[in-house]
Amino acid sequence: MIVPVDYMQTDSRWASNKYATKGESSTIKSAGCGITCAAMVIATLKNPSVTPATTAKWSMDHGYKAYHQGTYYSYFKPQMAEYGIECNQMNGSTVYHGSNSAKSMNEKAAQTVRNGNWVIAAMGKGDWTSSGHFVLWYGIDDEGYALIRDPYSTKATRRRAPVAKFQYQAKFYFEVKVNTGDNMGTNTSSLADTILKNGAKFVIDVSSHNGTVDWSQVKVDGAIVRLGYRGYGQGTLMMDKQFNANIQGCIKNNIPYSVYWFTTAINTKEAVEEAEYVLNAVKNLKLWYPIFIDTEYSNANKNGRSDGLGKATRTAIIKAFCERIAQDGYVPGVYASESWLKTMIDVNELPYRYWIANYSKRPTYHDFDAWQRTSSGKVNGVSTNVDVSEWYSERVIYDPVIKTALDESAYASVYAVSDAPVVEPAPAPADPMAGHEWSLDARNWAVQQGLVKGKGEDIDWFENLTLERFVTILYRYNYMK
């Protein structure tokens, strides 16, 4: 099974880009679900540099943006053909809620996916949308669940759902012919399939030991890049020789990324020095995962400057590093093998995110965000074996614009209200101060969490969001945890 790249129309890299026809002011964020699905297809099968910004421009230039809606159904076939991909609309009448010849068409669509092709589905009102929405259906797992790329949501229930439930809410299908020769990445491997079935993301980590990576060929959900290390002899701080090339490769090819630092600090002063070195190097970068400190033996002989430290000292060093990282608004994390966690550090003193290595079985010693399960992965674009991890938690995004880190769902809500309709304009509520029905859960949550002060009719949900109010919301969110 080939797994498509994961694009979000709410991604700040293009969310505010114009996607509109004459007389409207919509954006990719508000109306770009169709062109985002197309971008995922094209970037995976033909050209990794294609993003929703690319497909939005093409759609507008060729007249496929629908006035006060999203994208015309007739868009997909010519857009895909532009890149040599065959795409055809499968049904001419809706199959929503079992109408018309839904049974036979749904069976045909499901078989199309089982055969290794993809289906772009236009969804009706239900779990995926309150109005209209496009998603990319790319697989069916062993338990009979549809595997879905939803360009507007990272919710697990919108990414993996029973096929029958998904198809009951679908209206129209567009078949995408997937030529397996177009994509030869590791995402076709049994390991990637296992990771997806486990509900995780496929993430690699790289350093200069992996040589020069051809990031245009890499098909993964994310990458953790070694920023640098402290030498295990003299203790000199060194940047990884491939750091800048790897970061720029991720950025250019729209691969979410973060960094890790290999420590050989022998006291807390050196730990803070390492953290400040890292912070200076990443200050202008948008990171999608925590900043990790890598703690392990420095060499095979176990004779490095920090290898003989006791548990208490090593724990204090890691804590000092993480606290300094957190001071600047980033989320710190600890990378170590499971056996190292058990014997070499005191995890009770380190309340941070954990990325745990165990190449024989799933870790059980401590809760974790990610499990590094092998060091011998095979990924197109990487000439050596590469570390592969299952990433379970939400990505945590540090944005240099707002200078704080938020969980991915919270970050998306800053730029677009979760589950907002993708058709513009939204119908006005009966009561001008009541807010729309689709935002009810978000509004209740905001009040409960203290992000918005007031209750019921006291709150005008259509007041302008000033910069002062915006930073106050971020401040409250950051400190309410």
Protein backbone atom coordinates (compact mmCIF):
# COMPACT_ATOMS: atom_id res chain seq x y z
CA MET A 1 0.00 0.00 0.00
CA ILE A 2 1.28 3.43 -0.94
CA VAL A 3 0.55 6.05 1.71
CA PRO A 4 0.03 9.65 0.54
CA VAL A 5 1.80 12.64 2.01
CA ASP A 6 -0.27 14.35 4.69
CA TYR A 7 -1.21 17.95 3.81
CA MET A 8 -3.56 20.15 5.83
CA GLN A 9 -5.43 23.07 4.28
CA THR A 10 -5.08 24.77 7.68
CA ASP A 11 -1.27 24.66 7.49
CA SER A 12 0.00 28.20 8.05
CA ARG A 13 2.42 27.84 5.13
CA TRP A 14 -0.51 28.27 2.73
CA ALA A 15 -3.72 28.52 4.79
CA SER A 16 -4.11 32.25 4.16
CA ASN A 17 -3.32 32.00 0.43
CA LYS A 18 -6.12 33.27 -1.77
CA TYR A 19 -8.40 30.59 -3.17
CA ALA A 20 -11.25 32.60 -4.58
CA THR A 21 -13.02 33.66 -7.73
CA LYS A 22 -14.28 37.13 -8.57
CA GLY A 23 -16.47 38.66 -5.87
CA GLU A 24 -15.29 36.53 -2.91
CA SER A 25 -12.35 36.46 -0.51
CA SER A 26 -11.99 32.79 0.44
CA THR A 27 -8.66 31.10 1.18
CA ILE A 28 -7.14 27.63 1.02
CA LYS A 29 -8.00 27.28 4.70
CA SER A 30 -11.69 27.97 4.19
CA ALA A 31 -12.35 26.45 0.78
CA GLY A 32 -9.34 24.39 -0.29
CA CYS A 33 -10.14 20.81 0.72
CA GLY A 34 -10.41 19.62 -2.90
CA ILE A 35 -7.18 21.18 -4.10
CA THR A 36 -5.42 19.94 -0.94
CA CYS A 37 -6.48 16.37 -1.72
CA ALA A 38 -5.17 16.82 -5.25
CA ALA A 39 -1.87 18.15 -3.91
CA MET A 40 -1.47 15.07 -1.71
CA VAL A 41 -1.95 12.81 -4.72
CA ILE A 42 0.43 14.69 -7.00
CA ALA A 43 3.15 15.23 -4.37
CA THR A 44 3.16 11.52 -3.51
CA LEU A 45 2.98 10.03 -6.99
CA LYS A 46 4.73 12.54 -9.22
CA ASN A 47 6.24 15.73 -7.81
CA PRO A 48 7.07 16.21 -4.08
CA SER A 49 7.39 19.97 -4.53
CA VAL A 50 3.66 20.35 -5.29
CA THR A 51 1.67 21.80 -2.38
CA PRO A 52 -1.90 23.10 -1.95
CA ALA A 53 -0.55 26.50 -2.98
CA THR A 54 0.41 24.96 -6.35
CA THR A 55 -2.93 23.30 -6.99
CA ALA A 56 -4.92 26.31 -5.77
CA LYS A 57 -3.24 28.53 -8.34
CA TRP A 58 -3.84 26.02 -11.13
CA SER A 59 -7.50 25.65 -10.16
CA MET A 60 -8.08 29.41 -10.12
CA ASP A 61 -6.16 29.94 -13.37
CA HIS A 62 -8.34 27.36 -15.11
CA GLY A 63 -11.70 28.38 -13.66
CA TYR A 64 -12.38 25.50 -11.26
CA LYS A 65 -13.00 27.54 -8.10
CA ALA A 66 -16.74 27.51 -7.42
CA TYR A 67 -18.28 30.81 -6.33
CA HIS A 68 -18.95 30.85 -2.56
CA GLN A 69 -18.20 27.14 -2.42
CA GLY A 70 -15.10 24.99 -2.82
CA THR A 71 -13.96 23.32 -6.02
CA TYR A 72 -15.96 22.09 -9.02
CA TYR A 73 -16.15 18.31 -9.41
CA SER A 74 -14.81 18.70 -12.95
CA TYR A 75 -11.48 19.92 -11.54
CA PHE A 76 -9.87 16.61 -10.60
CA LYS A 77 -9.56 14.95 -14.00
CA PRO A 78 -7.68 17.77 -15.81
CA GLN A 79 -5.58 18.69 -12.77
CA MET A 80 -4.33 15.12 -12.40
CA ALA A 81 -3.82 14.79 -16.14
CA GLU A 82 -1.46 17.77 -15.95
CA TYR A 83 0.93 15.43 -14.08
CA GLY A 84 0.18 12.24 -15.99
CA ILE A 85 -2.19 10.79 -13.38
CA GLU A 86 -5.48 9.21 -14.46
CA CYS A 87 -8.50 10.33 -12.43
CA ASN A 88 -12.18 9.78 -13.24
CA GLN A 89 -15.47 10.53 -11.52
CA MET A 90 -17.08 7.20 -10.66
CA ASN A 91 -20.75 8.14 -10.11
CA GLY A 92 -23.02 10.72 -11.67
CA SER A 93 -25.70 10.63 -8.99
CA THR A 94 -25.21 10.84 -5.24
CA VAL A 95 -24.89 7.76 -3.02
CA TYR A 96 -25.34 9.79 0.17
CA HIS A 97 -27.15 7.83 2.91
CA GLY A 98 -27.67 4.88 0.59
CA SER A 99 -29.60 6.76 -2.07
CA ASN A 100 -29.85 5.63 -5.71
CA SER A 101 -27.58 2.69 -6.65
CA ALA A 102 -25.43 3.18 -3.57
CA LYS A 103 -24.74 -0.47 -2.78
CA SER A 104 -23.12 -1.39 -6.08
CA MET A 105 -21.23 1.90 -6.34
CA ASN A 106 -19.95 1.66 -2.77
CA GLU A 107 -18.75 -1.87 -3.43
CA LYS A 108 -17.00 -0.68 -6.58
CA ALA A 109 -15.30 2.18 -4.73
CA ALA A 110 -14.15 -0.12 -1.93
CA GLN A 111 -12.77 -2.63 -4.41
CA THR A 112 -10.93 0.19 -6.18
CA VAL A 113 -9.14 0.96 -2.92
CA ARG A 114 -8.45 -2.71 -2.19
CA ASN A 115 -6.83 -2.94 -5.62
CA GLY A 116 -4.29 -0.32 -4.55
CA ASN A 117 -5.85 2.77 -6.10
CA TRP A 118 -7.17 5.80 -4.24
CA VAL A 119 -10.54 7.51 -4.10
CA ILE A 120 -11.20 11.19 -3.50
CA ALA A 121 -14.59 11.30 -1.80
CA ALA A 122 -16.99 14.22 -1.69
CA MET A 123 -18.59 13.93 1.74
CA GLY A 124 -22.06 14.97 2.84
CA LYS A 125 -23.21 16.31 6.19
CA GLY A 126 -22.14 14.09 9.08
CA ASP A 127 -18.95 13.24 10.91
CA TRP A 128 -16.66 14.77 8.29
CA THR A 129 -18.45 18.01 7.53
CA SER A 130 -21.44 20.19 8.31
CA SER A 131 -21.83 21.14 4.66
CA GLY A 132 -19.46 19.72 2.04
CA HIS A 133 -15.91 18.38 2.13
CA PHE A 134 -13.35 16.37 0.10
CA VAL A 135 -11.14 13.68 1.67
CA LEU A 136 -8.65 11.18 0.24
CA TRP A 137 -9.41 7.50 0.86
CA TYR A 138 -6.20 5.54 0.34
CA GLY A 139 -6.56 2.16 2.05
CA ILE A 140 -8.54 -0.42 4.00
CA ASP A 141 -6.82 -2.09 6.95
CA ASP A 142 -7.16 -5.69 8.16
CA GLU A 143 -10.00 -4.75 10.49
CA GLY A 144 -12.09 -3.31 7.67
CA TYR A 145 -11.48 0.35 8.47
CA ALA A 146 -11.08 3.01 5.82
CA LEU A 147 -7.74 4.86 6.00
CA ILE A 148 -8.31 8.52 5.20
CA ARG A 149 -6.34 11.69 4.67
CA ASP A 150 -8.64 14.47 5.89
CA PRO A 151 -7.17 17.84 4.88
CA TYR A 152 -9.08 19.65 7.63
CA SER A 153 -8.75 17.42 10.68
CA THR A 154 -6.26 15.27 12.57
CA LYS A 155 -8.97 13.58 14.64
CA ALA A 156 -8.44 9.82 14.74
CA THR A 157 -12.11 9.14 13.97
CA ARG A 158 -11.86 11.19 10.78
CA ARG A 159 -8.62 9.48 9.75
CA ARG A 160 -9.71 5.88 10.34
CA ALA A 161 -13.35 4.79 10.27
CA PRO A 162 -15.48 1.73 9.49
CA VAL A 163 -15.90 1.52 5.72
CA ALA A 164 -19.68 1.26 5.98
CA LYS A 165 -19.91 4.38 8.13
CA PHE A 166 -17.60 6.32 5.83
CA GLN A 167 -19.47 5.33 2.68
CA TYR A 168 -22.86 6.09 4.21
CA GLN A 169 -21.77 9.74 4.41
CA ALA A 170 -20.05 9.90 1.01
CA LYS A 171 -21.78 11.52 -1.98
CA PHE A 172 -19.45 11.17 -4.96
CA TYR A 173 -16.26 9.24 -5.72
CA PHE A 174 -13.30 10.12 -7.94
CA GLU A 175 -10.95 7.23 -8.70
CA VAL A 176 -7.20 7.96 -8.80
CA LYS A 177 -5.13 5.38 -10.65
CA VAL A 178 -2.02 4.65 -8.59
CA ASN A 179 0.87 3.35 -10.65
CA THR A 180 3.05 1.58 -8.09
CA GLY A 181 6.09 2.36 -10.19
CA ASP A 182 5.58 6.05 -9.45
CA ASN A 183 6.45 5.71 -5.78
CA MET A 184 9.01 3.24 -4.51
CA GLY A 185 9.41 4.60 -0.98
CA THR A 186 9.40 2.67 2.28
CA ASN A 187 5.75 3.58 2.78
CA THR A 188 5.03 0.48 0.66
CA SER A 189 6.77 -1.74 3.23
CA SER A 190 5.12 -4.03 5.76
CA LEU A 191 6.68 -1.96 8.55
CA ALA A 192 4.92 1.18 7.34
CA ASP A 193 1.65 -0.74 7.07
CA THR A 194 2.08 -1.96 10.65
CA ILE A 195 2.77 1.54 11.92
CA LEU A 196 -0.33 2.88 10.19
CA LYS A 197 -2.47 0.07 11.56
CA ASN A 198 -1.22 0.98 15.03
CA GLY A 199 -2.61 4.46 14.48
CA ALA A 200 0.81 6.08 14.43
CA LYS A 201 2.89 8.23 12.10
CA PHE A 202 5.95 6.96 10.22
CA VAL A 203 8.91 9.09 11.38
CA ILE A 204 12.63 8.73 10.69
CA ASP A 205 15.64 10.30 12.38
CA VAL A 206 18.82 11.21 10.52
CA SER A 207 22.31 12.57 11.07
CA SER A 208 25.57 12.88 9.16
CA HIS A 209 25.94 9.10 9.62
CA ASN A 210 23.21 8.72 7.00
CA GLY A 211 25.21 10.72 4.44
CA THR A 212 23.52 13.09 2.01
CA VAL A 213 19.76 12.51 1.95
CA ASP A 214 17.75 13.10 -1.22
CA TRP A 215 14.71 14.55 0.52
CA SER A 216 12.74 14.83 -2.73
CA GLN A 217 12.54 11.01 -2.68
CA VAL A 218 11.69 10.62 1.01
CA LYS A 219 8.06 9.69 1.77
CA VAL A 220 7.52 9.87 5.53
CA ASP A 221 5.22 11.61 8.01
CA GLY A 222 8.07 13.38 9.77
CA ALA A 223 11.80 13.54 10.49
CA ILE A 224 13.87 14.24 13.58
CA VAL A 225 17.22 15.72 12.52
CA ARG A 226 20.37 15.66 14.63
CA LEU A 227 21.33 19.26 15.27
CA GLY A 228 24.67 18.45 16.82
CA TYR A 229 26.57 16.99 19.74
CA ARG A 230 29.22 17.59 22.37
CA GLY A 231 32.42 15.68 21.70
CA TYR A 232 33.02 12.79 24.07
CA GLY A 233 36.73 13.62 24.46
CA GLN A 234 37.35 17.34 24.82
CA GLY A 235 33.70 18.29 25.10
CA THR A 236 33.59 20.67 22.12
CA LEU A 237 30.14 21.69 20.89
CA MET A 238 29.72 20.65 17.26
CA MET A 239 26.94 21.12 14.72
CA ASP A 240 26.09 18.03 12.67
CA LYS A 241 27.67 18.36 9.22
CA GLN A 242 24.37 17.59 7.50
CA PHE A 243 22.11 19.63 9.79
CA ASN A 244 21.45 22.59 7.52
CA ALA A 245 21.07 20.41 4.41
CA ASN A 246 18.64 18.09 6.21
CA ILE A 247 16.53 20.93 7.60
CA GLN A 248 16.34 22.70 4.25
CA GLY A 249 15.47 19.39 2.57
CA CYS A 250 12.57 18.90 4.96
CA ILE A 251 11.35 22.45 4.47
CA LYS A 252 11.58 22.30 0.67
CA ASN A 253 9.71 19.00 0.53
CA ASN A 254 7.09 19.86 3.17
CA ILE A 255 8.19 17.20 5.65
CA PRO A 256 7.36 18.06 9.29
CA TYR A 257 10.58 18.06 11.34
CA SER A 258 12.30 18.78 14.62
CA VAL A 259 15.76 18.26 16.11
CA TYR A 260 17.66 16.24 18.68
CA TRP A 261 20.90 16.93 20.51
CA PHE A 262 23.44 14.29 21.57
CA THR A 263 24.73 15.22 25.01
CA THR A 264 27.97 14.41 26.80
CA ALA A 265 27.57 17.16 29.38
CA ILE A 266 29.12 16.37 32.76
CA ASN A 267 27.34 19.02 34.83
CA THR A 268 24.26 21.24 34.70
CA LYS A 269 26.27 24.26 33.53
CA GLU A 270 27.30 22.36 30.40
CA ALA A 271 23.72 21.15 29.94
CA VAL A 272 22.46 24.74 29.86
CA GLU A 273 25.25 25.63 27.45
CA GLU A 274 24.12 22.83 25.13
CA ALA A 275 20.49 23.95 25.35
CA GLU A 276 21.42 27.53 24.45
CA TYR A 277 23.45 26.28 21.48
CA VAL A 278 20.36 24.41 20.28
CA LEU A 279 18.03 27.36 20.86
CA ASN A 280 20.26 29.68 18.87
CA ALA A 281 20.31 27.24 15.95
CA VAL A 282 16.52 26.77 15.78
CA LYS A 283 15.33 30.29 16.64
CA ASN A 284 13.92 30.94 13.15
CA LEU A 285 12.59 27.43 12.49
CA LYS A 286 9.07 26.08 12.75
CA LEU A 287 9.41 22.79 14.64
CA TRP A 288 6.72 20.11 14.50
CA TYR A 289 7.91 17.88 17.36
CA PRO A 290 9.63 18.41 20.73
CA ILE A 291 13.34 19.19 20.96
CA PHE A 292 14.94 16.01 22.26
CA ILE A 293 18.06 15.42 24.29
CA ASP A 294 19.71 12.11 23.36
CA THR A 295 21.25 10.39 26.37
CA GLU A 296 23.24 7.18 25.90
CA TYR A 297 26.82 5.90 25.92
CA SER A 298 29.02 8.07 23.73
CA ASN A 299 30.97 5.22 22.09
CA ALA A 300 31.27 1.46 21.99
CA ASN A 301 34.07 1.42 24.58
CA LYS A 302 31.93 3.40 27.04
CA ASN A 303 34.90 5.59 27.93
CA GLY A 304 33.58 9.03 27.00
CA ARG A 305 33.68 12.02 29.31
CA SER A 306 30.08 11.52 30.51
CA ASP A 307 29.77 7.74 30.34
CA GLY A 308 30.64 7.15 33.99
CA LEU A 309 28.15 9.59 35.49
CA GLY A 310 25.84 8.45 38.25
CA LYS A 311 22.06 8.38 37.91
CA ALA A 312 21.45 11.50 39.99
CA THR A 313 24.00 13.61 38.10
CA ARG A 314 22.79 12.45 34.69
CA THR A 315 19.18 13.13 35.67
CA ALA A 316 20.09 16.64 36.84
CA ILE A 317 21.86 17.31 33.53
CA ILE A 318 18.85 16.24 31.47
CA LYS A 319 16.53 18.29 33.67
CA ALA A 320 18.70 21.41 33.29
CA PHE A 321 18.74 21.02 29.50
CA CYS A 322 14.97 20.51 29.29
CA GLU A 323 14.16 23.38 31.64
CA ARG A 324 16.26 25.77 29.55
CA ILE A 325 14.52 24.59 26.36
CA ALA A 326 11.11 25.11 27.97
CA GLN A 327 12.01 28.62 29.07
CA ASP A 328 11.96 29.75 25.45
CA GLY A 329 8.52 28.28 24.75
CA TYR A 330 9.61 24.98 23.21
CA VAL A 331 8.52 21.51 24.35
CA PRO A 332 11.47 19.42 25.59
CA GLY A 333 11.77 15.67 25.26
CA VAL A 334 14.07 12.81 26.26
CA TYR A 335 15.38 10.15 23.88
CA ALA A 336 16.82 6.95 25.35
CA SER A 337 16.62 3.19 25.12
CA GLU A 338 14.17 1.49 27.45
CA SER A 339 16.98 -0.20 29.36
CA TRP A 340 18.73 3.17 29.80
CA LEU A 341 15.58 4.69 31.27
CA LYS A 342 15.33 1.85 33.78
CA THR A 343 18.91 2.01 35.03
CA MET A 344 20.65 5.29 34.17
CA ILE A 345 18.18 8.11 34.85
CA ASP A 346 15.32 8.82 37.23
CA VAL A 347 12.26 9.36 35.06
CA ASN A 348 10.24 10.50 38.08
CA GLU A 349 12.34 13.66 38.10
CA LEU A 350 11.87 14.27 34.38
CA PRO A 351 8.23 15.08 33.48
CA TYR A 352 8.86 15.49 29.77
CA ARG A 353 7.95 13.89 26.45
CA TYR A 354 9.63 10.51 25.83
CA TRP A 355 10.95 8.93 22.65
CA ILE A 356 11.98 5.39 23.57
CA ALA A 357 14.09 2.92 21.61
CA ASN A 358 13.44 -0.81 21.85
CA TYR A 359 14.23 -2.92 18.78
CA SER A 360 12.71 -6.17 20.10
CA LYS A 361 9.33 -5.23 21.56
CA ARG A 362 7.01 -2.37 22.37
CA PRO A 363 8.25 -0.38 25.42
CA THR A 364 6.32 -0.91 28.64
CA TYR A 365 8.47 0.83 31.27
CA HIS A 366 7.20 4.36 30.78
CA ASP A 367 4.60 6.30 28.81
CA PHE A 368 5.95 7.60 25.52
CA ASP A 369 5.14 9.78 22.55
CA ALA A 370 7.20 7.72 20.13
CA TRP A 371 8.70 4.26 19.85
CA GLN A 372 11.91 3.90 17.84
CA ARG A 373 11.47 0.31 16.73
CA THR A 374 14.35 -0.28 14.32
CA SER A 375 17.68 1.10 13.17
CA SER A 376 17.62 -0.81 9.90
CA GLY A 377 14.74 0.81 8.05
CA LYS A 378 14.84 1.28 4.30
CA VAL A 379 13.58 4.57 2.90
CA ASN A 380 13.95 5.93 -0.60
CA GLY A 381 16.31 8.88 -0.66
CA VAL A 382 18.45 7.56 2.22
CA SER A 383 21.40 5.45 1.04
CA THR A 384 22.01 3.85 4.45
CA ASN A 385 19.83 2.02 6.93
CA VAL A 386 17.76 4.53 8.86
CA ASP A 387 16.07 4.67 12.28
CA VAL A 388 12.28 4.35 12.07
CA SER A 389 9.83 5.32 14.82
CA GLU A 390 6.12 5.02 15.44
CA TRP A 391 4.82 8.44 16.52
CA TYR A 392 1.65 8.24 18.60
CA SER A 393 1.04 11.61 20.17
CA GLU A 394 -0.17 14.75 18.48
CA ARG A 395 2.65 16.68 16.92
CA VAL A 396 3.58 19.70 19.00
CA ILE A 397 4.29 22.72 16.85
CA TYR A 398 6.59 25.59 17.79
CA ASP A 399 5.96 28.57 15.54
CA PRO A 400 8.58 31.38 15.59
CA VAL A 401 5.81 33.86 14.78
CA ILE A 402 3.84 33.26 17.98
CA LYS A 403 6.93 32.05 19.88
CA THR A 404 5.23 29.24 21.73
CA ALA A 405 4.48 25.57 21.20
CA LEU A 406 0.97 24.13 20.88
CA ASP A 407 -0.40 20.66 20.31
CA GLU A 408 -1.30 20.24 16.65
CA SER A 409 -5.06 20.44 17.19
CA ALA A 410 -4.72 23.59 19.28
CA TYR A 411 -2.33 25.09 16.77
CA ALA A 412 -4.78 24.41 13.95
CA SER A 413 -7.56 26.07 15.95
CA VAL A 414 -5.50 29.24 16.19
CA TYR A 415 -5.55 29.51 12.40
CA ALA A 416 -8.90 27.85 11.69
CA VAL A 417 -11.78 26.85 13.95
CA SER A 418 -11.84 23.06 14.21
CA ASP A 419 -14.51 21.49 12.01
CA ALA A 420 -15.53 24.82 10.47
CA PRO A 421 -17.52 24.47 7.26
CA VAL A 422 -15.45 24.43 4.11
CA VAL A 423 -18.11 26.24 2.08
CA GLU A 424 -18.19 30.04 2.32
CA PRO A 425 -19.93 32.08 3.48
CA ALA A 426 -21.37 30.31 6.52
CA PRO A 427 -25.09 30.87 7.06
CA ALA A 428 -25.77 33.51 9.70
CA PRO A 429 -27.06 32.19 13.05
CA ALA A 430 -30.57 33.18 14.11
CA ASP A 431 -29.19 35.12 17.06
CA PRO A 432 -26.28 37.38 15.92
CA MET A 433 -24.47 36.78 19.23
CA ALA A 434 -25.14 33.06 19.55
CA GLY A 435 -22.43 31.70 17.27
CA HIS A 436 -22.80 29.00 14.63
CA GLU A 437 -23.87 25.46 15.53
CA TRP A 438 -20.65 23.98 14.14
CA SER A 439 -18.58 25.93 16.69
CA LEU A 440 -20.63 24.93 19.75
CA ASP A 441 -18.15 22.37 21.12
CA ALA A 442 -15.23 24.74 20.57
CA ARG A 443 -17.06 27.64 22.26
CA ASN A 444 -18.02 25.54 25.29
CA TRP A 445 -14.46 24.26 25.59
CA ALA A 446 -13.00 27.78 25.36
CA VAL A 447 -15.21 28.97 28.21
CA GLN A 448 -14.49 25.89 30.36
CA GLN A 449 -10.74 26.30 29.87
CA GLY A 450 -10.78 29.97 30.70
CA LEU A 451 -9.64 31.08 27.25
CA VAL A 452 -12.77 33.24 26.97
CA LYS A 453 -14.32 35.00 29.96
CA GLY A 454 -18.07 35.15 30.41
CA LYS A 455 -20.99 32.80 29.82
CA GLY A 456 -24.04 32.35 27.65
CA GLU A 457 -25.55 35.50 26.22
CA ASP A 458 -22.82 37.64 27.83
CA ILE A 459 -20.34 36.64 25.11
CA ASP A 460 -20.44 38.23 21.67
CA TRP A 461 -18.83 35.53 19.52
CA PHE A 462 -18.51 37.89 16.58
CA GLU A 463 -16.38 40.53 18.22
CA ASN A 464 -13.18 41.38 16.37
CA LEU A 465 -10.15 39.40 17.57
CA THR A 466 -7.61 42.07 18.45
CA LEU A 467 -3.92 41.31 18.83
CA GLU A 468 -4.29 41.95 22.57
CA ARG A 469 -7.04 39.33 22.85
CA PHE A 470 -5.12 36.89 20.67
CA VAL A 471 -1.96 36.94 22.79
CA THR A 472 -4.08 36.68 25.94
CA ILE A 473 -5.67 33.48 24.60
CA LEU A 474 -2.24 32.03 23.83
CA TYR A 475 -0.95 33.04 27.27
CA ARG A 476 -3.88 31.39 29.04
CA TYR A 477 -3.55 28.23 26.99
CA ASN A 478 0.20 28.00 27.63
CA TYR A 479 -0.17 28.33 31.40
CA MET A 480 -3.39 26.46 32.07
CA LYS A 481 -1.69 23.07 31.62
